[in-house]
């Protein structure tokens, strides 16, 4: 058992091969309580595969997975729903879980959608549905929450709001989060540690360390790095009413 009681899951040179093709290889990372670790990379880079390795969905892996909790919540990238069914939010919450009404209310309140409890899923906006999915995943107060592209189908303003919510969840529940995102810029303010994948770990570290890395620039372009550098400039200090600069 690890001496660090905050560690929830740890990957040591983990990889997964399907037939003769490596989907991802040599990934090392760890997630602790209250920490957000973000996986970024192009399509097909192994982000979802890495998440499934961490979840224990893939059994025959290369390397090792050390898991210190079984209390896990998961929002997959894709979920199949028959939108013609008159399924209310509160019904959806208990489809596969035996939840008390108070647990449902608490989860929906935390994600800001308690007012949608009796609404049909088919009547929700993209952002509302993503919040319901997250509520369902946190309803049993997991130690580890895995979110695979949780802002898909949401506009930019909605993305920012969802990432703020994700940050709030770590603070309220003190859970660790493994987050998969297509865009480092929008998760900048929320994430603690970034792992950039392209079939293997290209680079990892703080968001700004990754943004300045040449391998990140090669994958996402110099412009993406410059956007993040401007973000850092805007957020590392404030301008006072007297025109002075005060560091955050």
C-alpha atoms as a PDB file:
ATOM      1  CA  UNK A   1       0.000   0.000   0.000  1.00  0.00           C
ATOM      2  CA  UNK A   2       1.300   3.453  -0.859  1.00  0.00           C
ATOM      3  CA  UNK A   3       2.404   5.696   1.986  1.00  0.00           C
ATOM      4  CA  UNK A   4       0.590   8.611   0.384  1.00  0.00           C
ATOM      5  CA  UNK A   5      -3.018   8.158   1.479  1.00  0.00           C
ATOM      6  CA  UNK A   6      -4.214  10.803  -0.994  1.00  0.00           C
ATOM      7  CA  UNK A   7      -3.340   8.749  -4.093  1.00  0.00           C
ATOM      8  CA  UNK A   8      -6.432   7.227  -5.714  1.00  0.00           C
ATOM      9  CA  UNK A   9      -4.954   5.577  -8.806  1.00  0.00           C
ATOM     10  CA  UNK A  10      -1.482   5.306 -10.255  1.00  0.00           C
ATOM     11  CA  UNK A  11      -0.408   4.139 -13.719  1.00  0.00           C
ATOM     12  CA  UNK A  12       3.140   2.843 -14.172  1.00  0.00           C
ATOM     13  CA  UNK A  13       4.245   2.569 -17.819  1.00  0.00           C
ATOM     14  CA  UNK A  14       0.732   1.405 -18.667  1.00  0.00           C
ATOM     15  CA  UNK A  15      -0.377   0.528 -22.173  1.00  0.00           C
ATOM     16  CA  UNK A  16      -2.994  -1.399 -24.095  1.00  0.00           C
ATOM     17  CA  UNK A  17      -2.663  -3.297 -27.351  1.00  0.00           C
ATOM     18  CA  UNK A  18      -5.544  -4.426 -29.540  1.00  0.00           C
ATOM     19  CA  UNK A  19      -4.414  -7.308 -31.734  1.00  0.00           C
ATOM     20  CA  UNK A  20      -1.048  -6.044 -33.042  1.00  0.00           C
ATOM     21  CA  UNK A  21      -1.665  -2.332 -32.586  1.00  0.00           C
ATOM     22  CA  UNK A  22      -0.779  -0.287 -29.519  1.00  0.00           C
ATOM     23  CA  UNK A  23      -3.629   2.104 -28.707  1.00  0.00           C
ATOM     24  CA  UNK A  24      -1.457   3.755 -26.068  1.00  0.00           C
ATOM     25  CA  UNK A  25       1.857   2.818 -24.480  1.00  0.00           C
ATOM     26  CA  UNK A  26       4.128   3.818 -21.612  1.00  0.00           C
ATOM     27  CA  UNK A  27       1.728   6.075 -19.671  1.00  0.00           C
ATOM     28  CA  UNK A  28       2.673   6.999 -16.113  1.00  0.00           C
ATOM     29  CA  UNK A  29       0.479   9.283 -14.011  1.00  0.00           C
ATOM     30  CA  UNK A  30      -1.241   9.473 -10.673  1.00  0.00           C
ATOM     31  CA  UNK A  31      -4.417  11.124  -9.427  1.00  0.00           C
ATOM     32  CA  UNK A  32      -4.852  12.337  -5.869  1.00  0.00           C
ATOM     33  CA  UNK A  33      -7.822  13.524  -3.847  1.00  0.00           C
ATOM     34  CA  UNK A  34      -8.840  17.072  -4.727  1.00  0.00           C
ATOM     35  CA  UNK A  35      -6.718  17.068  -7.900  1.00  0.00           C
ATOM     36  CA  UNK A  36      -7.739  17.430 -11.533  1.00  0.00           C
ATOM     37  CA  UNK A  37      -5.523  15.623 -14.040  1.00  0.00           C
ATOM     38  CA  UNK A  38      -6.319  16.396 -17.681  1.00  0.00           C
ATOM     39  CA  UNK A  39      -5.512  14.217 -20.682  1.00  0.00           C
ATOM     40  CA  UNK A  40      -5.205  16.102 -23.968  1.00  0.00           C
ATOM     41  CA  UNK A  41      -4.160  15.012 -27.435  1.00  0.00           C
ATOM     42  CA  UNK A  42      -5.446  14.642 -30.998  1.00  0.00           C
ATOM     43  CA  UNK A  43      -8.156  12.159 -31.971  1.00  0.00           C
ATOM     44  CA  UNK A  44      -6.889   8.600 -31.671  1.00  0.00           C
ATOM     45  CA  UNK A  45      -4.075   9.570 -29.305  1.00  0.00           C
ATOM     46  CA  UNK A  46      -5.138   7.124 -26.562  1.00  0.00           C
ATOM     47  CA  UNK A  47      -6.990   9.448 -24.172  1.00  0.00           C
ATOM     48  CA  UNK A  48     -10.118   7.310 -23.724  1.00  0.00           C
ATOM     49  CA  UNK A  49      -7.994   4.142 -23.677  1.00  0.00           C
ATOM     50  CA  UNK A  50      -5.877   5.585 -20.852  1.00  0.00           C
ATOM     51  CA  UNK A  51      -9.034   6.461 -18.910  1.00  0.00           C
ATOM     52  CA  UNK A  52     -10.339   2.904 -19.337  1.00  0.00           C
ATOM     53  CA  UNK A  53      -6.996   1.534 -18.135  1.00  0.00           C
ATOM     54  CA  UNK A  54      -7.298   3.713 -15.018  1.00  0.00           C
ATOM     55  CA  UNK A  55     -10.877   2.516 -14.487  1.00  0.00           C
ATOM     56  CA  UNK A  56      -9.839  -1.114 -14.776  1.00  0.00           C
ATOM     57  CA  UNK A  57     -12.056  -1.714 -17.822  1.00  0.00           C
ATOM     58  CA  UNK A  58      -9.092  -3.097 -19.772  1.00  0.00           C
ATOM     59  CA  UNK A  59      -7.594  -6.042 -17.914  1.00  0.00           C
ATOM     60  CA  UNK A  60      -4.825  -7.336 -20.192  1.00  0.00           C
ATOM     61  CA  UNK A  61      -2.572  -4.302 -20.091  1.00  0.00           C
ATOM     62  CA  UNK A  62       1.107  -3.582 -20.295  1.00  0.00           C
ATOM     63  CA  UNK A  63       2.662  -2.062 -17.175  1.00  0.00           C
ATOM     64  CA  UNK A  64       0.811  -1.652 -13.892  1.00  0.00           C
ATOM     65  CA  UNK A  65      -2.239   0.037 -12.412  1.00  0.00           C
ATOM     66  CA  UNK A  66      -2.303   0.633  -8.663  1.00  0.00           C
ATOM     67  CA  UNK A  67      -5.837   1.428  -7.556  1.00  0.00           C
ATOM     68  CA  UNK A  68      -6.633   2.541  -4.032  1.00  0.00           C
ATOM     69  CA  UNK A  69     -10.376   3.128  -4.248  1.00  0.00           C
ATOM     70  CA  UNK A  70     -13.411   1.356  -5.650  1.00  0.00           C
ATOM     71  CA  UNK A  71     -15.662   4.399  -5.306  1.00  0.00           C
ATOM     72  CA  UNK A  72     -15.552   5.598  -8.906  1.00  0.00           C
ATOM     73  CA  UNK A  73     -17.884   7.739 -11.027  1.00  0.00           C
ATOM     74  CA  UNK A  74     -17.654   7.727 -14.823  1.00  0.00           C
ATOM     75  CA  UNK A  75     -19.126   9.875 -17.586  1.00  0.00           C
ATOM     76  CA  UNK A  76     -18.286   8.165 -20.912  1.00  0.00           C
ATOM     77  CA  UNK A  77     -17.705  10.042 -24.141  1.00  0.00           C
ATOM     78  CA  UNK A  78     -20.771   8.512 -25.746  1.00  0.00           C
ATOM     79  CA  UNK A  79     -23.986   7.274 -24.209  1.00  0.00           C
ATOM     80  CA  UNK A  80     -26.824   5.640 -26.150  1.00  0.00           C
ATOM     81  CA  UNK A  81     -30.286   6.863 -25.223  1.00  0.00           C
ATOM     82  CA  UNK A  82     -33.609   6.404 -27.001  1.00  0.00           C
ATOM     83  CA  UNK A  83     -34.681  10.042 -26.990  1.00  0.00           C
ATOM     84  CA  UNK A  84     -38.243   9.058 -27.918  1.00  0.00           C
ATOM     85  CA  UNK A  85     -38.751   7.452 -24.489  1.00  0.00           C
ATOM     86  CA  UNK A  86     -40.520   9.702 -21.959  1.00  0.00           C
ATOM     87  CA  UNK A  87     -37.647   9.382 -19.478  1.00  0.00           C
ATOM     88  CA  UNK A  88     -37.476  12.010 -16.759  1.00  0.00           C
ATOM     89  CA  UNK A  89     -34.226  13.174 -15.188  1.00  0.00           C
ATOM     90  CA  UNK A  90     -35.096  11.562 -11.832  1.00  0.00           C
ATOM     91  CA  UNK A  91     -35.835   8.256 -13.621  1.00  0.00           C
ATOM     92  CA  UNK A  92     -32.547   8.417 -15.493  1.00  0.00           C
ATOM     93  CA  UNK A  93     -30.658   8.942 -12.217  1.00  0.00           C
ATOM     94  CA  UNK A  94     -31.857   5.577 -10.876  1.00  0.00           C
ATOM     95  CA  UNK A  95     -31.658   3.489 -14.063  1.00  0.00           C
ATOM     96  CA  UNK A  96     -28.613   1.556 -12.863  1.00  0.00           C
ATOM     97  CA  UNK A  97     -28.237   2.801  -9.289  1.00  0.00           C
ATOM     98  CA  UNK A  98     -30.329   2.408  -6.150  1.00  0.00           C
ATOM     99  CA  UNK A  99     -30.335   6.009  -4.936  1.00  0.00           C
ATOM    100  CA  UNK A 100     -32.188   7.747  -2.144  1.00  0.00           C
ATOM    101  CA  UNK A 101     -34.186  10.810  -3.128  1.00  0.00           C
ATOM    102  CA  UNK A 102     -31.936  12.968  -0.960  1.00  0.00           C
ATOM    103  CA  UNK A 103     -28.854  11.737  -2.858  1.00  0.00           C
ATOM    104  CA  UNK A 104     -30.521  12.589  -6.172  1.00  0.00           C
ATOM    105  CA  UNK A 105     -31.459  16.060  -4.938  1.00  0.00           C
ATOM    106  CA  UNK A 106     -27.974  16.710  -3.574  1.00  0.00           C
ATOM    107  CA  UNK A 107     -26.254  15.683  -6.818  1.00  0.00           C
ATOM    108  CA  UNK A 108     -28.639  17.669  -9.030  1.00  0.00           C
ATOM    109  CA  UNK A 109     -28.281  20.692  -6.748  1.00  0.00           C
ATOM    110  CA  UNK A 110     -24.494  20.561  -6.860  1.00  0.00           C
ATOM    111  CA  UNK A 111     -24.542  20.495 -10.651  1.00  0.00           C
ATOM    112  CA  UNK A 112     -27.134  23.281 -10.806  1.00  0.00           C
ATOM    113  CA  UNK A 113     -29.996  21.333 -12.395  1.00  0.00           C
ATOM    114  CA  UNK A 114     -32.308  20.451  -9.487  1.00  0.00           C
ATOM    115  CA  UNK A 115     -35.081  22.378 -11.262  1.00  0.00           C
ATOM    116  CA  UNK A 116     -34.917  19.831 -14.115  1.00  0.00           C
ATOM    117  CA  UNK A 117     -35.667  16.809 -11.924  1.00  0.00           C
ATOM    118  CA  UNK A 118     -39.094  16.134 -13.457  1.00  0.00           C
ATOM    119  CA  UNK A 119     -38.200  17.212 -16.985  1.00  0.00           C
ATOM    120  CA  UNK A 120     -37.861  14.727 -19.848  1.00  0.00           C
ATOM    121  CA  UNK A 121     -34.298  14.068 -21.018  1.00  0.00           C
ATOM    122  CA  UNK A 122     -35.286  14.806 -24.601  1.00  0.00           C
ATOM    123  CA  UNK A 123     -36.202  18.372 -23.632  1.00  0.00           C
ATOM    124  CA  UNK A 124     -32.784  19.224 -22.177  1.00  0.00           C
ATOM    125  CA  UNK A 125     -30.165  21.367 -23.860  1.00  0.00           C
ATOM    126  CA  UNK A 126     -26.681  19.951 -24.457  1.00  0.00           C
ATOM    127  CA  UNK A 127     -25.298  21.713 -21.402  1.00  0.00           C
ATOM    128  CA  UNK A 128     -28.176  20.623 -19.194  1.00  0.00           C
ATOM    129  CA  UNK A 129     -27.783  16.991 -20.252  1.00  0.00           C
ATOM    130  CA  UNK A 130     -24.036  17.049 -19.526  1.00  0.00           C
ATOM    131  CA  UNK A 131     -24.776  18.423 -16.037  1.00  0.00           C
ATOM    132  CA  UNK A 132     -27.289  15.614 -15.461  1.00  0.00           C
ATOM    133  CA  UNK A 133     -24.690  13.043 -16.575  1.00  0.00           C
ATOM    134  CA  UNK A 134     -22.190  14.507 -14.114  1.00  0.00           C
ATOM    135  CA  UNK A 135     -24.843  14.548 -11.369  1.00  0.00           C
ATOM    136  CA  UNK A 136     -25.510  10.868 -11.996  1.00  0.00           C
ATOM    137  CA  UNK A 137     -21.785  10.113 -11.770  1.00  0.00           C
ATOM    138  CA  UNK A 138     -21.324  11.951  -8.449  1.00  0.00           C
ATOM    139  CA  UNK A 139     -24.567  10.771  -6.828  1.00  0.00           C
ATOM    140  CA  UNK A 140     -22.726   8.182  -4.727  1.00  0.00           C
ATOM    141  CA  UNK A 141     -19.935  10.606  -3.802  1.00  0.00           C
ATOM    142  CA  UNK A 142     -17.040   8.875  -5.594  1.00  0.00           C
ATOM    143  CA  UNK A 143     -13.404   9.287  -4.598  1.00  0.00           C
ATOM    144  CA  UNK A 144     -12.399   9.226  -8.275  1.00  0.00           C
ATOM    145  CA  UNK A 145     -14.402  10.798 -11.104  1.00  0.00           C
ATOM    146  CA  UNK A 146     -13.532  10.097 -14.747  1.00  0.00           C
ATOM    147  CA  UNK A 147     -14.970  12.537 -17.300  1.00  0.00           C
ATOM    148  CA  UNK A 148     -14.439  11.712 -20.976  1.00  0.00           C
ATOM    149  CA  UNK A 149     -15.019  14.894 -23.047  1.00  0.00           C
ATOM    150  CA  UNK A 150     -17.736  16.188 -20.687  1.00  0.00           C
ATOM    151  CA  UNK A 151     -18.382  19.385 -22.690  1.00  0.00           C
ATOM    152  CA  UNK A 152     -19.260  17.847 -26.054  1.00  0.00           C
ATOM    153  CA  UNK A 153     -22.325  19.391 -27.646  1.00  0.00           C
ATOM    154  CA  UNK A 154     -21.964  22.510 -25.511  1.00  0.00           C
ATOM    155  CA  UNK A 155     -21.181  26.026 -26.740  1.00  0.00           C
ATOM    156  CA  UNK A 156     -18.068  27.911 -25.585  1.00  0.00           C
ATOM    157  CA  UNK A 157     -19.831  29.788 -22.771  1.00  0.00           C
ATOM    158  CA  UNK A 158     -21.330  26.517 -21.586  1.00  0.00           C
ATOM    159  CA  UNK A 159     -17.883  24.877 -21.679  1.00  0.00           C
ATOM    160  CA  UNK A 160     -16.428  27.486 -19.340  1.00  0.00           C
ATOM    161  CA  UNK A 161     -19.365  27.063 -16.955  1.00  0.00           C
ATOM    162  CA  UNK A 162     -18.971  23.274 -16.954  1.00  0.00           C
ATOM    163  CA  UNK A 163     -15.251  23.458 -16.197  1.00  0.00           C
ATOM    164  CA  UNK A 164     -15.996  25.806 -13.295  1.00  0.00           C
ATOM    165  CA  UNK A 165     -18.515  23.233 -12.077  1.00  0.00           C
ATOM    166  CA  UNK A 166     -15.925  20.454 -12.338  1.00  0.00           C
ATOM    167  CA  UNK A 167     -13.516  22.512 -10.231  1.00  0.00           C
ATOM    168  CA  UNK A 168     -16.298  23.078  -7.681  1.00  0.00           C
ATOM    169  CA  UNK A 169     -16.976  19.325  -7.505  1.00  0.00           C
ATOM    170  CA  UNK A 170     -13.368  18.582  -6.518  1.00  0.00           C
ATOM    171  CA  UNK A 171     -13.635  21.169  -3.757  1.00  0.00           C
ATOM    172  CA  UNK A 172     -17.042  20.015  -2.486  1.00  0.00           C
ATOM    173  CA  UNK A 173     -16.419  16.257  -2.621  1.00  0.00           C
ATOM    174  CA  UNK A 174     -12.604  16.290  -2.300  1.00  0.00           C
ATOM    175  CA  UNK A 175     -12.501  13.747  -5.120  1.00  0.00           C
ATOM    176  CA  UNK A 176      -9.819  13.305  -7.738  1.00  0.00           C
ATOM    177  CA  UNK A 177     -10.801  13.858 -11.355  1.00  0.00           C
ATOM    178  CA  UNK A 178      -9.354  12.400 -14.544  1.00  0.00           C
ATOM    179  CA  UNK A 179     -10.585  14.719 -17.270  1.00  0.00           C
ATOM    180  CA  UNK A 180     -10.305  14.201 -21.014  1.00  0.00           C
ATOM    181  CA  UNK A 181     -10.405  17.391 -23.045  1.00  0.00           C
ATOM    182  CA  UNK A 182      -9.771  18.442 -26.635  1.00  0.00           C
ATOM    183  CA  UNK A 183      -8.758  21.971 -25.634  1.00  0.00           C
ATOM    184  CA  UNK A 184      -6.179  22.919 -23.009  1.00  0.00           C
ATOM    185  CA  UNK A 185      -7.159  26.596 -23.172  1.00  0.00           C
ATOM    186  CA  UNK A 186     -10.651  26.137 -21.757  1.00  0.00           C
ATOM    187  CA  UNK A 187      -9.516  23.847 -18.904  1.00  0.00           C
ATOM    188  CA  UNK A 188      -6.570  26.061 -17.959  1.00  0.00           C
ATOM    189  CA  UNK A 189      -8.115  27.529 -14.828  1.00  0.00           C
ATOM    190  CA  UNK A 190      -9.451  24.200 -13.567  1.00  0.00           C
ATOM    191  CA  UNK A 191      -6.710  21.633 -14.112  1.00  0.00           C
ATOM    192  CA  UNK A 192      -3.727  20.940 -11.839  1.00  0.00           C
ATOM    193  CA  UNK A 193      -1.716  18.567 -14.014  1.00  0.00           C
ATOM    194  CA  UNK A 194      -1.764  17.907 -17.763  1.00  0.00           C
ATOM    195  CA  UNK A 195      -0.678  14.800 -19.670  1.00  0.00           C
ATOM    196  CA  UNK A 196      -0.349  15.304 -23.417  1.00  0.00           C
ATOM    197  CA  UNK A 197      -0.768  12.058 -25.369  1.00  0.00           C
ATOM    198  CA  UNK A 198      -0.115  10.944 -28.918  1.00  0.00           C
ATOM    199  CA  UNK A 199      -0.037   7.178 -28.484  1.00  0.00           C
ATOM    200  CA  UNK A 200       2.472   7.805 -25.698  1.00  0.00           C
ATOM    201  CA  UNK A 201       3.193  10.631 -23.252  1.00  0.00           C
ATOM    202  CA  UNK A 202       4.575  13.538 -25.279  1.00  0.00           C
ATOM    203  CA  UNK A 203       4.892  15.807 -22.260  1.00  0.00           C
ATOM    204  CA  UNK A 204       3.321  16.397 -18.863  1.00  0.00           C
ATOM    205  CA  UNK A 205       3.307  18.977 -16.092  1.00  0.00           C
ATOM    206  CA  UNK A 206       1.434  22.154 -15.215  1.00  0.00           C
ATOM    207  CA  UNK A 207      -0.737  23.638 -17.995  1.00  0.00           C
ATOM    208  CA  UNK A 208       1.832  26.325 -18.751  1.00  0.00           C
ATOM    209  CA  UNK A 209       4.746  23.865 -18.737  1.00  0.00           C
ATOM    210  CA  UNK A 210       2.909  21.734 -21.287  1.00  0.00           C
ATOM    211  CA  UNK A 211       1.876  24.738 -23.406  1.00  0.00           C
ATOM    212  CA  UNK A 212       5.520  25.817 -23.724  1.00  0.00           C
ATOM    213  CA  UNK A 213       6.720  22.316 -24.603  1.00  0.00           C
ATOM    214  CA  UNK A 214       7.868  21.822 -28.207  1.00  0.00           C
ATOM    215  CA  UNK A 215       5.953  18.541 -28.544  1.00  0.00           C
ATOM    216  CA  UNK A 216       2.727  20.287 -27.519  1.00  0.00           C
ATOM    217  CA  UNK A 217       3.425  23.016 -30.085  1.00  0.00           C
ATOM    218  CA  UNK A 218       4.054  20.365 -32.749  1.00  0.00           C
ATOM    219  CA  UNK A 219       0.669  18.757 -32.042  1.00  0.00           C
ATOM    220  CA  UNK A 220      -1.483  21.848 -31.505  1.00  0.00           C
ATOM    221  CA  UNK A 221       0.471  24.616 -33.225  1.00  0.00           C
ATOM    222  CA  UNK A 222       2.436  27.658 -32.135  1.00  0.00           C
ATOM    223  CA  UNK A 223      -0.766  29.711 -32.021  1.00  0.00           C
ATOM    224  CA  UNK A 224      -2.266  27.474 -29.311  1.00  0.00           C
ATOM    225  CA  UNK A 225       0.842  27.971 -27.198  1.00  0.00           C
ATOM    226  CA  UNK A 226       0.696  31.759 -27.674  1.00  0.00           C
ATOM    227  CA  UNK A 227      -2.967  31.851 -26.603  1.00  0.00           C
ATOM    228  CA  UNK A 228      -2.053  30.080 -23.385  1.00  0.00           C
ATOM    229  CA  UNK A 229       0.910  32.377 -22.776  1.00  0.00           C
ATOM    230  CA  UNK A 230      -1.426  35.373 -23.072  1.00  0.00           C
ATOM    231  CA  UNK A 231      -3.803  33.613 -20.673  1.00  0.00           C
ATOM    232  CA  UNK A 232      -0.987  33.260 -18.146  1.00  0.00           C
ATOM    233  CA  UNK A 233      -0.131  36.945 -18.500  1.00  0.00           C
ATOM    234  CA  UNK A 234      -3.741  37.950 -17.853  1.00  0.00           C
ATOM    235  CA  UNK A 235      -4.148  35.701 -14.825  1.00  0.00           C
ATOM    236  CA  UNK A 236      -0.846  35.958 -12.970  1.00  0.00           C
ATOM    237  CA  UNK A 237      -1.582  39.514 -11.817  1.00  0.00           C
ATOM    238  CA  UNK A 238      -4.259  42.165 -11.514  1.00  0.00           C
ATOM    239  CA  UNK A 239      -4.195  45.862 -12.305  1.00  0.00           C
ATOM    240  CA  UNK A 240      -5.237  48.049  -9.337  1.00  0.00           C
ATOM    241  CA  UNK A 241      -7.325  51.213  -9.623  1.00  0.00           C
ATOM    242  CA  UNK A 242      -4.059  53.209  -9.304  1.00  0.00           C
ATOM    243  CA  UNK A 243      -2.577  51.451 -12.313  1.00  0.00           C
ATOM    244  CA  UNK A 244      -0.242  49.326 -10.235  1.00  0.00           C
ATOM    245  CA  UNK A 245       0.369  45.641 -10.934  1.00  0.00           C
ATOM    246  CA  UNK A 246      -0.371  43.228  -8.131  1.00  0.00           C
ATOM    247  CA  UNK A 247       0.659  39.577  -8.377  1.00  0.00           C
ATOM    248  CA  UNK A 248      -2.000  36.963  -7.640  1.00  0.00           C
END
